[in-house]
């Protein structure tokens, strides 16, 4: 009997230890009907590349500290996330829309957002596992029809399309060009300081899912 109780106690301690050791996970999922080259970078660290087939996914383990600062997940339009020989230099981040995270942020919360400040190229969603936190998404069905002046449509050698937000990073605030993006995706950043309607929070310790073609 005593031996049985000892085994149960050891098992319970092991479970508790595992629970405390577990951290946060950001799962990147490809719901598109085609393969996606997913890129993930925190700050100026090396860029991780995940080649996801249709329906594929990749978990990014943030460790027990749940720390992922100035992080972004996006789809490469060239099929290569980092410049050859420079693993922390992006090839085409400036042509992509981003799922952005600051984990943790402040006040016990994470910050997350979708940004079209650079461009738009693919439908994107962020879904917190915590049901009390808001899921956000941005999908533009007809990118050719959407991308009107002052914005610029680029067709990449891969065949991918990118609508470049020409005023997104110039510090001018709302313009006719950025309002095209804001009207299409009210929850997403359309210019650099579009914080009031575009930044969302969730308690630190939450898992997240980033979805292409939600």
N, C-alpha and C. Protein backbone atom coordinates (compact mmCIF):
# COMPACT_ATOMS: atom_id res chain seq x y z
N UNK A 1 0.83 -1.21 0.00
CA UNK A 1 0.00 0.00 0.00
C UNK A 1 0.87 1.25 0.00
N UNK A 2 1.86 1.28 0.90
CA UNK A 2 2.75 2.44 0.99
C UNK A 2 3.50 2.63 -0.32
N UNK A 3 3.92 1.49 -0.91
CA UNK A 3 4.64 1.56 -2.17
C UNK A 3 3.75 2.14 -3.28
N UNK A 4 2.47 1.74 -3.26
CA UNK A 4 1.52 2.24 -4.25
C UNK A 4 1.32 3.75 -4.10
N UNK A 5 1.21 4.21 -2.85
CA UNK A 5 1.04 5.64 -2.60
C UNK A 5 2.27 6.41 -3.06
N UNK A 6 3.44 5.83 -2.84
CA UNK A 6 4.68 6.49 -3.26
C UNK A 6 4.73 6.65 -4.78
N UNK A 7 4.32 5.60 -5.50
CA UNK A 7 4.30 5.65 -6.97
C UNK A 7 3.32 6.72 -7.45
N UNK A 8 2.14 6.77 -6.78
CA UNK A 8 1.15 7.77 -7.16
C UNK A 8 1.68 9.19 -6.93
N UNK A 9 2.40 9.37 -5.83
CA UNK A 9 2.95 10.69 -5.50
C UNK A 9 3.98 11.12 -6.53
N UNK A 10 4.85 10.17 -6.92
CA UNK A 10 5.87 10.47 -7.93
C UNK A 10 5.20 10.84 -9.25
N UNK A 11 4.13 10.10 -9.61
CA UNK A 11 3.42 10.36 -10.86
C UNK A 11 2.79 11.75 -10.85
N UNK A 12 2.21 12.12 -9.68
CA UNK A 12 1.58 13.43 -9.55
C UNK A 12 2.61 14.55 -9.67
N UNK A 13 3.76 14.38 -9.03
CA UNK A 13 4.82 15.38 -9.12
C UNK A 13 5.29 15.53 -10.56
N UNK A 14 5.38 14.42 -11.28
CA UNK A 14 5.82 14.46 -12.68
C UNK A 14 4.84 15.25 -13.53
N UNK A 15 3.53 15.03 -13.27
CA UNK A 15 2.51 15.76 -14.03
C UNK A 15 2.61 17.24 -13.75
N UNK A 16 2.72 17.60 -12.46
CA UNK A 16 2.81 19.01 -12.08
C UNK A 16 4.04 19.65 -12.69
N UNK A 17 5.16 18.93 -12.66
CA UNK A 17 6.41 19.46 -13.22
C UNK A 17 6.26 19.73 -14.71
N UNK A 18 5.58 18.81 -15.41
CA UNK A 18 5.38 19.00 -16.84
C UNK A 18 4.51 20.21 -17.12
N UNK A 19 3.48 20.38 -16.26
CA UNK A 19 2.58 21.52 -16.46
C UNK A 19 3.33 22.83 -16.29
N UNK A 20 4.17 22.90 -15.27
CA UNK A 20 4.91 24.14 -15.03
C UNK A 20 5.99 24.35 -16.08
N UNK A 21 6.49 23.26 -16.66
CA UNK A 21 7.55 23.38 -17.65
C UNK A 21 7.02 23.77 -19.02
N UNK A 22 5.70 23.50 -19.25
CA UNK A 22 5.14 23.78 -20.56
C UNK A 22 5.10 25.28 -20.80
N UNK A 23 5.24 25.66 -22.07
CA UNK A 23 5.23 27.08 -22.41
C UNK A 23 4.14 27.40 -23.39
N UNK A 24 4.38 28.43 -24.18
CA UNK A 24 3.41 28.89 -25.16
C UNK A 24 3.81 28.39 -26.55
N UNK A 25 2.81 28.13 -27.36
CA UNK A 25 3.05 27.65 -28.72
C UNK A 25 2.26 28.50 -29.70
N UNK A 26 2.92 28.93 -30.76
CA UNK A 26 2.25 29.57 -31.89
C UNK A 26 2.26 28.56 -33.04
N UNK A 27 1.08 28.13 -33.46
CA UNK A 27 0.96 27.17 -34.54
C UNK A 27 0.65 27.90 -35.84
N UNK A 28 1.47 27.67 -36.85
CA UNK A 28 1.27 28.26 -38.17
C UNK A 28 0.60 27.21 -39.05
N UNK A 29 -0.57 27.55 -39.59
CA UNK A 29 -1.36 26.58 -40.34
C UNK A 29 -1.65 27.10 -41.76
N UNK A 30 -1.51 26.21 -42.73
CA UNK A 30 -1.79 26.55 -44.12
C UNK A 30 -3.12 25.94 -44.55
N UNK A 31 -4.15 26.77 -44.63
CA UNK A 31 -5.46 26.32 -45.10
C UNK A 31 -5.66 26.58 -46.59
N UNK A 32 -4.62 27.06 -47.26
CA UNK A 32 -4.73 27.33 -48.70
C UNK A 32 -4.76 26.01 -49.47
N UNK A 33 -5.22 26.08 -50.69
CA UNK A 33 -5.22 24.91 -51.55
C UNK A 33 -3.91 24.72 -52.28
N UNK A 34 -2.87 25.34 -51.80
CA UNK A 34 -1.54 25.27 -52.41
C UNK A 34 -0.49 25.40 -51.30
N UNK A 35 0.75 25.10 -51.62
CA UNK A 35 1.83 25.19 -50.63
C UNK A 35 2.18 26.64 -50.33
N UNK A 36 2.60 26.88 -49.10
CA UNK A 36 2.99 28.22 -48.66
C UNK A 36 4.35 28.13 -47.98
N UNK A 37 5.24 29.04 -48.32
CA UNK A 37 6.51 29.18 -47.61
C UNK A 37 6.29 30.17 -46.47
N UNK A 38 6.23 29.66 -45.25
CA UNK A 38 5.97 30.51 -44.08
C UNK A 38 7.28 30.93 -43.45
N UNK A 39 7.35 32.20 -43.07
CA UNK A 39 8.54 32.77 -42.44
C UNK A 39 8.17 33.26 -41.05
N UNK A 40 9.08 33.12 -40.10
CA UNK A 40 8.86 33.60 -38.74
C UNK A 40 10.15 34.20 -38.21
N UNK A 41 10.05 35.40 -37.64
CA UNK A 41 11.24 36.08 -37.13
C UNK A 41 10.88 36.88 -35.89
N UNK A 42 11.75 36.84 -34.90
CA UNK A 42 11.63 37.66 -33.69
C UNK A 42 12.76 38.68 -33.68
N UNK A 43 12.40 39.97 -33.65
CA UNK A 43 13.43 41.01 -33.67
C UNK A 43 14.30 40.88 -34.91
N UNK A 44 15.63 40.92 -34.71
CA UNK A 44 16.54 40.72 -35.84
C UNK A 44 17.24 39.37 -35.77
N UNK A 45 16.59 38.41 -35.12
CA UNK A 45 17.13 37.06 -35.05
C UNK A 45 17.00 36.37 -36.41
N UNK A 46 17.62 35.19 -36.51
CA UNK A 46 17.54 34.44 -37.75
C UNK A 46 16.08 34.11 -38.10
N UNK A 47 15.79 34.09 -39.38
CA UNK A 47 14.43 33.83 -39.85
C UNK A 47 14.23 32.33 -40.02
N UNK A 48 13.17 31.82 -39.41
CA UNK A 48 12.81 30.41 -39.59
C UNK A 48 11.93 30.27 -40.82
N UNK A 49 12.15 29.22 -41.58
CA UNK A 49 11.35 28.96 -42.78
C UNK A 49 10.67 27.61 -42.65
N UNK A 50 9.37 27.58 -42.93
CA UNK A 50 8.57 26.36 -42.88
C UNK A 50 7.85 26.21 -44.21
N UNK A 51 8.14 25.13 -44.91
CA UNK A 51 7.49 24.86 -46.19
C UNK A 51 6.26 24.00 -45.92
N UNK A 52 5.10 24.64 -45.97
CA UNK A 52 3.86 23.99 -45.56
C UNK A 52 3.02 23.63 -46.78
N UNK A 53 2.76 22.34 -46.94
CA UNK A 53 1.83 21.91 -47.96
C UNK A 53 0.41 22.28 -47.56
N UNK A 54 -0.52 22.14 -48.49
CA UNK A 54 -1.91 22.44 -48.19
C UNK A 54 -2.39 21.60 -47.01
N UNK A 55 -2.92 22.28 -45.99
CA UNK A 55 -3.37 21.59 -44.78
C UNK A 55 -2.27 21.36 -43.76
N UNK A 56 -1.04 21.73 -44.08
CA UNK A 56 0.08 21.51 -43.17
C UNK A 56 0.16 22.55 -42.07
N UNK A 57 0.89 22.21 -41.02
CA UNK A 57 1.06 23.15 -39.90
C UNK A 57 2.42 22.95 -39.26
N UNK A 58 2.84 23.96 -38.51
CA UNK A 58 4.12 23.94 -37.81
C UNK A 58 3.96 24.67 -36.49
N UNK A 59 4.33 24.01 -35.38
CA UNK A 59 4.30 24.65 -34.08
C UNK A 59 5.61 25.36 -33.78
N UNK A 60 5.52 26.57 -33.24
CA UNK A 60 6.69 27.32 -32.79
C UNK A 60 6.62 27.38 -31.28
N UNK A 61 7.52 26.66 -30.61
CA UNK A 61 7.52 26.57 -29.15
C UNK A 61 8.27 27.76 -28.57
N UNK A 62 7.58 28.57 -27.80
CA UNK A 62 8.19 29.76 -27.21
C UNK A 62 8.85 29.48 -25.87
N UNK A 63 8.83 28.22 -25.44
CA UNK A 63 9.49 27.86 -24.19
C UNK A 63 8.69 28.25 -22.97
N UNK A 64 9.19 27.86 -21.81
CA UNK A 64 8.47 28.12 -20.56
C UNK A 64 8.39 29.60 -20.25
N UNK A 65 9.30 30.41 -20.81
CA UNK A 65 9.28 31.85 -20.56
C UNK A 65 8.22 32.56 -21.38
N UNK A 66 7.68 31.89 -22.40
CA UNK A 66 6.67 32.51 -23.29
C UNK A 66 7.15 33.87 -23.77
N UNK A 67 8.32 33.89 -24.39
CA UNK A 67 8.92 35.16 -24.80
C UNK A 67 9.13 35.17 -26.31
N UNK A 68 8.51 36.14 -26.97
CA UNK A 68 8.63 36.28 -28.43
C UNK A 68 8.43 37.75 -28.74
N UNK A 69 9.50 38.51 -28.79
CA UNK A 69 9.43 39.96 -28.90
C UNK A 69 9.54 40.42 -30.35
N UNK A 70 8.74 41.45 -30.69
CA UNK A 70 8.77 42.04 -32.04
C UNK A 70 8.79 40.96 -33.10
N UNK A 71 7.87 40.00 -32.96
CA UNK A 71 7.85 38.82 -33.83
C UNK A 71 6.84 38.99 -34.96
N UNK A 72 7.12 38.33 -36.06
CA UNK A 72 6.22 38.37 -37.21
C UNK A 72 6.21 37.03 -37.92
N UNK A 73 5.03 36.66 -38.41
CA UNK A 73 4.86 35.48 -39.26
C UNK A 73 4.25 35.97 -40.57
N UNK A 74 4.77 35.48 -41.69
CA UNK A 74 4.26 35.92 -42.98
C UNK A 74 4.56 34.87 -44.04
N UNK A 75 3.95 35.03 -45.20
CA UNK A 75 4.18 34.12 -46.32
C UNK A 75 5.16 34.75 -47.30
N UNK A 76 6.20 34.02 -47.63
CA UNK A 76 7.17 34.51 -48.61
C UNK A 76 6.56 34.43 -50.01
N UNK A 77 6.71 35.50 -50.78
CA UNK A 77 6.21 35.49 -52.16
C UNK A 77 7.28 35.02 -53.15
N UNK A 78 8.51 34.83 -52.65
CA UNK A 78 9.60 34.35 -53.51
C UNK A 78 9.94 32.89 -53.24
N UNK A 79 9.46 32.35 -52.11
CA UNK A 79 9.77 30.98 -51.76
C UNK A 79 11.04 30.83 -50.95
N UNK A 80 11.65 31.94 -50.56
CA UNK A 80 12.86 31.92 -49.73
C UNK A 80 12.77 33.06 -48.74
N UNK A 81 12.76 32.72 -47.44
CA UNK A 81 12.53 33.74 -46.41
C UNK A 81 13.74 34.64 -46.19
N UNK A 82 14.93 34.06 -46.17
CA UNK A 82 16.13 34.83 -45.81
C UNK A 82 17.08 34.96 -46.99
N UNK A 83 17.82 36.06 -46.99
CA UNK A 83 18.84 36.27 -48.01
C UNK A 83 19.94 35.23 -47.84
N UNK A 84 20.38 34.63 -48.92
CA UNK A 84 21.43 33.62 -48.86
C UNK A 84 22.68 34.20 -48.21
N UNK A 85 23.16 33.53 -47.17
CA UNK A 85 24.35 33.98 -46.45
C UNK A 85 24.06 34.98 -45.35
N UNK A 86 22.82 35.46 -45.26
CA UNK A 86 22.42 36.41 -44.21
C UNK A 86 21.11 35.93 -43.60
N UNK A 87 21.18 34.98 -42.67
CA UNK A 87 19.97 34.31 -42.19
C UNK A 87 19.00 35.19 -41.42
N UNK A 88 19.42 36.40 -41.05
CA UNK A 88 18.47 37.29 -40.35
C UNK A 88 17.98 38.42 -41.25
N UNK A 89 18.32 38.38 -42.54
CA UNK A 89 17.89 39.41 -43.49
C UNK A 89 16.79 38.85 -44.38
N UNK A 90 15.63 39.49 -44.37
CA UNK A 90 14.48 38.99 -45.12
C UNK A 90 14.60 39.32 -46.60
N UNK A 91 14.15 38.39 -47.44
CA UNK A 91 14.16 38.62 -48.88
C UNK A 91 12.96 39.46 -49.32
N UNK A 92 11.80 39.24 -48.72
CA UNK A 92 10.58 39.84 -49.27
C UNK A 92 9.54 40.21 -48.22
N UNK A 93 9.98 40.43 -46.98
CA UNK A 93 9.04 40.83 -45.93
C UNK A 93 8.33 42.14 -46.31
N UNK A 94 9.00 43.00 -47.05
CA UNK A 94 8.41 44.28 -47.44
C UNK A 94 7.28 44.12 -48.46
N UNK A 95 7.09 42.91 -48.98
CA UNK A 95 6.02 42.63 -49.94
C UNK A 95 4.90 41.81 -49.32
N UNK A 96 4.93 41.63 -48.00
CA UNK A 96 4.01 40.70 -47.34
C UNK A 96 3.18 41.39 -46.26
N UNK A 97 2.00 40.84 -46.02
CA UNK A 97 1.24 41.21 -44.83
C UNK A 97 1.68 40.31 -43.68
N UNK A 98 1.62 40.84 -42.45
CA UNK A 98 2.26 40.19 -41.31
C UNK A 98 1.27 39.89 -40.19
N UNK A 99 1.49 38.76 -39.52
CA UNK A 99 0.88 38.50 -38.21
C UNK A 99 1.95 38.83 -37.18
N UNK A 100 1.70 39.85 -36.35
CA UNK A 100 2.73 40.38 -35.46
C UNK A 100 2.39 40.08 -34.00
N UNK A 101 3.44 39.82 -33.21
CA UNK A 101 3.26 39.49 -31.80
C UNK A 101 4.32 40.17 -30.94
N UNK A 102 3.92 40.60 -29.75
CA UNK A 102 4.84 40.93 -28.67
C UNK A 102 4.40 40.11 -27.47
N UNK A 103 5.18 39.09 -27.15
CA UNK A 103 4.85 38.13 -26.09
C UNK A 103 6.02 38.02 -25.14
N UNK A 104 5.88 38.44 -23.86
CA UNK A 104 4.73 39.18 -23.33
C UNK A 104 4.85 40.65 -23.69
N UNK A 105 3.72 41.36 -23.56
CA UNK A 105 3.72 42.80 -23.76
C UNK A 105 3.87 43.49 -22.42
N UNK A 106 2.79 44.05 -21.91
CA UNK A 106 2.82 44.71 -20.60
C UNK A 106 1.50 44.45 -19.89
N UNK A 107 1.51 44.64 -18.58
CA UNK A 107 0.29 44.46 -17.81
C UNK A 107 -0.23 43.04 -17.81
N UNK A 108 0.67 42.06 -17.99
CA UNK A 108 0.25 40.67 -18.01
C UNK A 108 -0.40 40.24 -19.31
N UNK A 109 -0.27 41.06 -20.34
CA UNK A 109 -0.91 40.76 -21.63
C UNK A 109 0.10 40.62 -22.75
N UNK A 110 -0.28 39.81 -23.75
CA UNK A 110 0.41 39.79 -25.03
C UNK A 110 -0.26 40.81 -25.95
N UNK A 111 0.49 41.29 -26.93
CA UNK A 111 -0.07 42.14 -27.98
C UNK A 111 0.03 41.39 -29.30
N UNK A 112 -1.01 41.49 -30.11
CA UNK A 112 -0.97 40.86 -31.44
C UNK A 112 -1.76 41.69 -32.43
N UNK A 113 -1.40 41.58 -33.70
CA UNK A 113 -2.08 42.34 -34.74
C UNK A 113 -1.79 41.75 -36.11
N UNK A 114 -2.59 42.14 -37.09
CA UNK A 114 -2.32 41.87 -38.50
C UNK A 114 -1.95 43.19 -39.14
N UNK A 115 -0.87 43.20 -39.90
CA UNK A 115 -0.38 44.43 -40.51
C UNK A 115 -0.36 44.35 -42.03
N UNK A 116 -1.04 45.32 -42.65
CA UNK A 116 -0.94 45.53 -44.10
C UNK A 116 -0.13 46.78 -44.42
N UNK A 117 0.70 47.19 -43.47
CA UNK A 117 1.47 48.43 -43.63
C UNK A 117 2.41 48.34 -44.83
N UNK A 118 3.04 47.18 -45.02
CA UNK A 118 3.92 47.01 -46.17
C UNK A 118 3.14 46.66 -47.43
N UNK A 119 2.26 45.66 -47.29
CA UNK A 119 1.58 45.13 -48.47
C UNK A 119 0.54 44.10 -48.03
N UNK A 120 -0.18 43.59 -49.03
CA UNK A 120 -1.09 42.46 -48.81
C UNK A 120 -0.82 41.44 -49.90
N UNK A 121 -0.72 40.17 -49.47
CA UNK A 121 -0.52 39.12 -50.47
C UNK A 121 -1.35 37.86 -50.23
N UNK A 122 -1.84 37.63 -48.99
CA UNK A 122 -2.54 36.38 -48.70
C UNK A 122 -3.48 36.59 -47.52
N UNK A 123 -4.60 35.86 -47.53
CA UNK A 123 -5.52 35.91 -46.40
C UNK A 123 -4.82 35.42 -45.13
N UNK A 124 -5.10 36.09 -44.01
CA UNK A 124 -4.35 35.84 -42.78
C UNK A 124 -5.27 36.00 -41.58
N UNK A 125 -5.11 35.13 -40.59
CA UNK A 125 -5.88 35.23 -39.35
C UNK A 125 -5.00 34.90 -38.16
N UNK A 126 -5.33 35.49 -37.01
CA UNK A 126 -4.72 35.13 -35.73
C UNK A 126 -5.84 34.68 -34.81
N UNK A 127 -5.72 33.48 -34.25
CA UNK A 127 -6.75 32.91 -33.39
C UNK A 127 -6.15 32.52 -32.05
N UNK A 128 -6.40 33.30 -31.00
CA UNK A 128 -5.93 32.91 -29.66
C UNK A 128 -6.68 31.68 -29.17
N UNK A 129 -5.97 30.80 -28.46
CA UNK A 129 -6.61 29.63 -27.88
C UNK A 129 -7.55 30.01 -26.75
N UNK A 130 -7.27 31.11 -26.09
CA UNK A 130 -8.12 31.63 -25.02
C UNK A 130 -9.41 32.17 -25.64
N UNK A 131 -10.52 31.52 -25.33
CA UNK A 131 -11.79 31.91 -25.94
C UNK A 131 -12.26 33.30 -25.58
N UNK A 132 -11.69 33.89 -24.53
CA UNK A 132 -12.06 35.24 -24.15
C UNK A 132 -11.34 36.31 -24.93
N UNK A 133 -10.42 35.91 -25.80
CA UNK A 133 -9.64 36.87 -26.60
C UNK A 133 -10.13 36.85 -28.04
N UNK A 134 -9.98 37.95 -28.69
CA UNK A 134 -10.58 38.13 -30.01
C UNK A 134 -9.73 37.53 -31.13
N UNK A 135 -10.38 36.77 -32.00
CA UNK A 135 -9.74 36.33 -33.24
C UNK A 135 -9.87 37.44 -34.27
N UNK A 136 -8.83 37.64 -35.06
CA UNK A 136 -8.84 38.68 -36.09
C UNK A 136 -8.41 38.07 -37.42
N UNK A 137 -8.89 38.67 -38.51
CA UNK A 137 -8.52 38.14 -39.82
C UNK A 137 -8.60 39.24 -40.87
N UNK A 138 -7.96 38.99 -41.99
CA UNK A 138 -8.00 39.89 -43.14
C UNK A 138 -7.88 39.06 -44.41
N UNK A 139 -8.92 39.08 -45.23
CA UNK A 139 -8.90 38.38 -46.51
C UNK A 139 -9.45 39.31 -47.58
N UNK A 140 -8.69 39.51 -48.62
CA UNK A 140 -9.11 40.31 -49.78
C UNK A 140 -9.23 39.36 -50.95
N UNK A 141 -10.46 39.13 -51.41
CA UNK A 141 -10.70 38.08 -52.39
C UNK A 141 -10.12 38.36 -53.76
N UNK A 142 -10.30 39.56 -54.27
CA UNK A 142 -9.85 39.92 -55.62
C UNK A 142 -8.73 40.95 -55.50
N UNK A 143 -7.51 40.47 -55.38
CA UNK A 143 -6.39 41.38 -55.14
C UNK A 143 -6.15 42.28 -56.35
N UNK A 144 -6.40 41.78 -57.55
CA UNK A 144 -6.21 42.61 -58.74
C UNK A 144 -7.22 43.76 -58.76
N UNK A 145 -8.46 43.46 -58.48
CA UNK A 145 -9.48 44.48 -58.46
C UNK A 145 -9.32 45.45 -57.30
N UNK A 146 -8.79 44.93 -56.18
CA UNK A 146 -8.61 45.76 -54.98
C UNK A 146 -7.47 46.76 -55.15
N UNK A 147 -6.40 46.34 -55.78
CA UNK A 147 -5.15 47.12 -55.76
C UNK A 147 -5.20 48.25 -56.79
N UNK A 148 -5.74 49.37 -56.37
CA UNK A 148 -5.91 50.54 -57.23
C UNK A 148 -4.91 51.63 -56.83
N UNK A 149 -4.63 52.59 -57.74
CA UNK A 149 -3.77 53.72 -57.36
C UNK A 149 -4.36 54.40 -56.13
N UNK A 150 -3.51 54.81 -55.21
CA UNK A 150 -2.08 55.01 -55.29
C UNK A 150 -1.25 53.76 -54.97
N UNK A 151 -1.86 52.64 -54.70
CA UNK A 151 -1.13 51.42 -54.38
C UNK A 151 -0.68 50.72 -55.66
N UNK A 152 0.28 49.79 -55.52
CA UNK A 152 0.93 49.20 -56.70
C UNK A 152 0.86 47.68 -56.63
N UNK A 153 0.35 47.06 -57.68
CA UNK A 153 0.29 45.61 -57.76
C UNK A 153 1.58 45.09 -58.37
N UNK A 154 2.22 44.16 -57.66
CA UNK A 154 3.43 43.52 -58.18
C UNK A 154 3.16 42.04 -58.43
N UNK A 155 3.60 41.56 -59.58
CA UNK A 155 3.52 40.14 -59.89
C UNK A 155 4.92 39.56 -59.80
N UNK A 156 5.11 38.60 -58.91
CA UNK A 156 6.43 38.01 -58.67
C UNK A 156 6.70 36.88 -59.66
N UNK A 157 7.98 36.54 -59.87
CA UNK A 157 8.31 35.41 -60.76
C UNK A 157 7.63 34.11 -60.34
N UNK A 158 7.35 33.97 -59.04
CA UNK A 158 6.66 32.78 -58.55
C UNK A 158 5.20 32.74 -58.98
N UNK A 159 4.70 33.87 -59.49
CA UNK A 159 3.29 33.97 -59.83
C UNK A 159 2.46 34.61 -58.74
N UNK A 160 3.06 34.79 -57.56
CA UNK A 160 2.36 35.42 -56.44
C UNK A 160 2.12 36.89 -56.73
N UNK A 161 1.02 37.42 -56.18
CA UNK A 161 0.68 38.83 -56.33
C UNK A 161 0.84 39.53 -54.99
N UNK A 162 1.33 40.75 -55.03
CA UNK A 162 1.47 41.57 -53.83
C UNK A 162 0.98 42.97 -54.13
N UNK A 163 0.01 43.44 -53.32
CA UNK A 163 -0.44 44.82 -53.44
C UNK A 163 0.35 45.65 -52.45
N UNK A 164 1.25 46.48 -52.94
CA UNK A 164 2.15 47.26 -52.10
C UNK A 164 1.43 48.52 -51.61
N UNK A 165 1.44 48.71 -50.29
CA UNK A 165 0.81 49.86 -49.64
C UNK A 165 1.80 51.03 -49.70
N UNK A 166 1.69 51.87 -50.70
CA UNK A 166 2.72 52.87 -50.95
C UNK A 166 2.81 53.94 -49.87
N UNK A 167 1.72 54.18 -49.14
CA UNK A 167 1.74 55.20 -48.09
C UNK A 167 1.84 54.61 -46.69
N UNK A 168 1.92 53.29 -46.58
CA UNK A 168 1.83 52.64 -45.28
C UNK A 168 2.93 53.01 -44.31
N UNK A 169 4.13 53.22 -44.82
CA UNK A 169 5.28 53.46 -43.94
C UNK A 169 5.80 54.89 -44.00
N UNK A 170 5.07 55.79 -44.65
CA UNK A 170 5.64 57.13 -44.85
C UNK A 170 5.30 58.11 -43.74
N UNK A 171 4.55 57.66 -42.73
CA UNK A 171 4.28 58.52 -41.58
C UNK A 171 3.23 59.59 -41.81
N UNK A 172 2.49 59.51 -42.91
CA UNK A 172 1.50 60.54 -43.21
C UNK A 172 0.17 60.32 -42.51
N UNK A 173 -0.02 59.13 -41.93
CA UNK A 173 -1.33 58.84 -41.36
C UNK A 173 -2.28 58.38 -42.45
N UNK A 174 -3.59 58.47 -42.22
CA UNK A 174 -4.55 57.99 -43.22
C UNK A 174 -4.44 58.77 -44.53
N UNK A 175 -4.37 58.04 -45.63
CA UNK A 175 -4.39 58.63 -46.97
C UNK A 175 -5.39 57.84 -47.80
N UNK A 176 -5.64 58.29 -49.01
CA UNK A 176 -6.56 57.55 -49.88
C UNK A 176 -6.06 56.13 -50.09
N UNK A 177 -4.73 55.98 -50.22
CA UNK A 177 -4.15 54.66 -50.43
C UNK A 177 -4.30 53.75 -49.22
N UNK A 178 -3.97 54.26 -48.02
CA UNK A 178 -4.07 53.41 -46.83
C UNK A 178 -5.53 53.11 -46.49
N UNK A 179 -6.44 54.02 -46.81
CA UNK A 179 -7.85 53.78 -46.51
C UNK A 179 -8.42 52.64 -47.36
N UNK A 180 -7.83 52.37 -48.52
CA UNK A 180 -8.24 51.18 -49.27
C UNK A 180 -8.04 49.93 -48.43
N UNK A 181 -6.88 49.85 -47.76
CA UNK A 181 -6.58 48.70 -46.91
C UNK A 181 -7.48 48.69 -45.68
N UNK A 182 -7.69 49.86 -45.06
CA UNK A 182 -8.49 49.93 -43.83
C UNK A 182 -9.94 49.56 -44.09
N UNK A 183 -10.48 50.02 -45.19
CA UNK A 183 -11.87 49.69 -45.51
C UNK A 183 -12.04 48.20 -45.79
N UNK A 184 -11.04 47.59 -46.39
CA UNK A 184 -11.11 46.15 -46.69
C UNK A 184 -10.93 45.30 -45.45
N UNK A 185 -10.07 45.76 -44.52
CA UNK A 185 -9.73 44.99 -43.32
C UNK A 185 -9.68 45.94 -42.12
N UNK A 186 -10.83 46.26 -41.51
CA UNK A 186 -10.88 47.26 -40.44
C UNK A 186 -10.05 46.92 -39.21
N UNK A 187 -9.80 45.62 -38.96
CA UNK A 187 -9.05 45.22 -37.77
C UNK A 187 -7.54 45.21 -37.98
N UNK A 188 -7.09 45.45 -39.20
CA UNK A 188 -5.66 45.35 -39.52
C UNK A 188 -5.03 46.73 -39.63
N UNK A 189 -3.73 46.78 -39.34
CA UNK A 189 -2.97 48.02 -39.53
C UNK A 189 -2.94 48.38 -41.01
N UNK A 190 -3.18 49.66 -41.31
CA UNK A 190 -3.08 50.14 -42.68
C UNK A 190 -1.96 51.17 -42.84
N UNK A 191 -1.49 51.72 -41.72
CA UNK A 191 -0.33 52.62 -41.72
C UNK A 191 0.36 52.50 -40.37
N UNK A 192 1.54 53.08 -40.24
CA UNK A 192 2.41 52.83 -39.10
C UNK A 192 1.79 53.09 -37.74
N UNK A 193 0.96 54.12 -37.62
CA UNK A 193 0.46 54.53 -36.31
C UNK A 193 -1.03 54.26 -36.15
N UNK A 194 -1.50 53.23 -36.81
CA UNK A 194 -2.91 52.86 -36.81
C UNK A 194 -3.23 51.97 -35.60
N UNK A 195 -2.77 52.39 -34.40
CA UNK A 195 -2.82 51.51 -33.23
C UNK A 195 -4.22 51.34 -32.64
N UNK A 196 -5.00 52.41 -32.60
CA UNK A 196 -6.23 52.42 -31.81
C UNK A 196 -7.21 51.31 -32.20
N UNK A 197 -7.29 50.99 -33.47
CA UNK A 197 -8.26 49.98 -33.92
C UNK A 197 -7.59 48.70 -34.40
N UNK A 198 -6.29 48.57 -34.15
CA UNK A 198 -5.57 47.47 -34.81
C UNK A 198 -4.74 46.60 -33.89
N UNK A 199 -4.54 47.00 -32.63
CA UNK A 199 -3.76 46.20 -31.68
C UNK A 199 -4.70 45.51 -30.72
N UNK A 200 -4.46 44.22 -30.48
CA UNK A 200 -5.33 43.42 -29.61
C UNK A 200 -4.49 42.77 -28.52
N UNK A 201 -5.13 42.45 -27.40
CA UNK A 201 -4.42 41.90 -26.25
C UNK A 201 -5.04 40.59 -25.80
N UNK A 202 -4.21 39.77 -25.18
CA UNK A 202 -4.66 38.52 -24.58
C UNK A 202 -3.69 38.18 -23.45
N UNK A 203 -4.17 37.53 -22.42
CA UNK A 203 -3.34 37.22 -21.27
C UNK A 203 -2.12 36.39 -21.65
N UNK A 204 -0.97 36.77 -21.11
CA UNK A 204 0.26 36.04 -21.38
C UNK A 204 0.12 34.59 -20.92
N UNK A 205 0.62 33.67 -21.71
CA UNK A 205 0.48 32.25 -21.44
C UNK A 205 -0.45 31.57 -22.43
N UNK A 206 -1.06 32.37 -23.29
CA UNK A 206 -2.00 31.86 -24.29
C UNK A 206 -1.25 31.27 -25.49
N UNK A 207 -1.81 30.21 -26.07
CA UNK A 207 -1.34 29.71 -27.36
C UNK A 207 -2.07 30.45 -28.47
N UNK A 208 -1.45 30.50 -29.64
CA UNK A 208 -2.05 31.19 -30.79
C UNK A 208 -1.95 30.32 -32.03
N UNK A 209 -2.86 30.55 -32.96
CA UNK A 209 -2.80 29.94 -34.27
C UNK A 209 -2.77 31.05 -35.32
N UNK A 210 -1.79 30.98 -36.21
CA UNK A 210 -1.73 31.88 -37.37
C UNK A 210 -2.15 31.06 -38.58
N UNK A 211 -3.17 31.54 -39.29
CA UNK A 211 -3.75 30.76 -40.38
C UNK A 211 -3.63 31.51 -41.70
N UNK A 212 -3.04 30.86 -42.70
CA UNK A 212 -3.07 31.37 -44.06
C UNK A 212 -4.33 30.86 -44.75
N UNK A 213 -5.02 31.73 -45.49
CA UNK A 213 -6.28 31.39 -46.16
C UNK A 213 -7.32 30.90 -45.15
N UNK A 214 -7.67 31.75 -44.16
CA UNK A 214 -8.62 31.30 -43.12
C UNK A 214 -10.03 31.07 -43.69
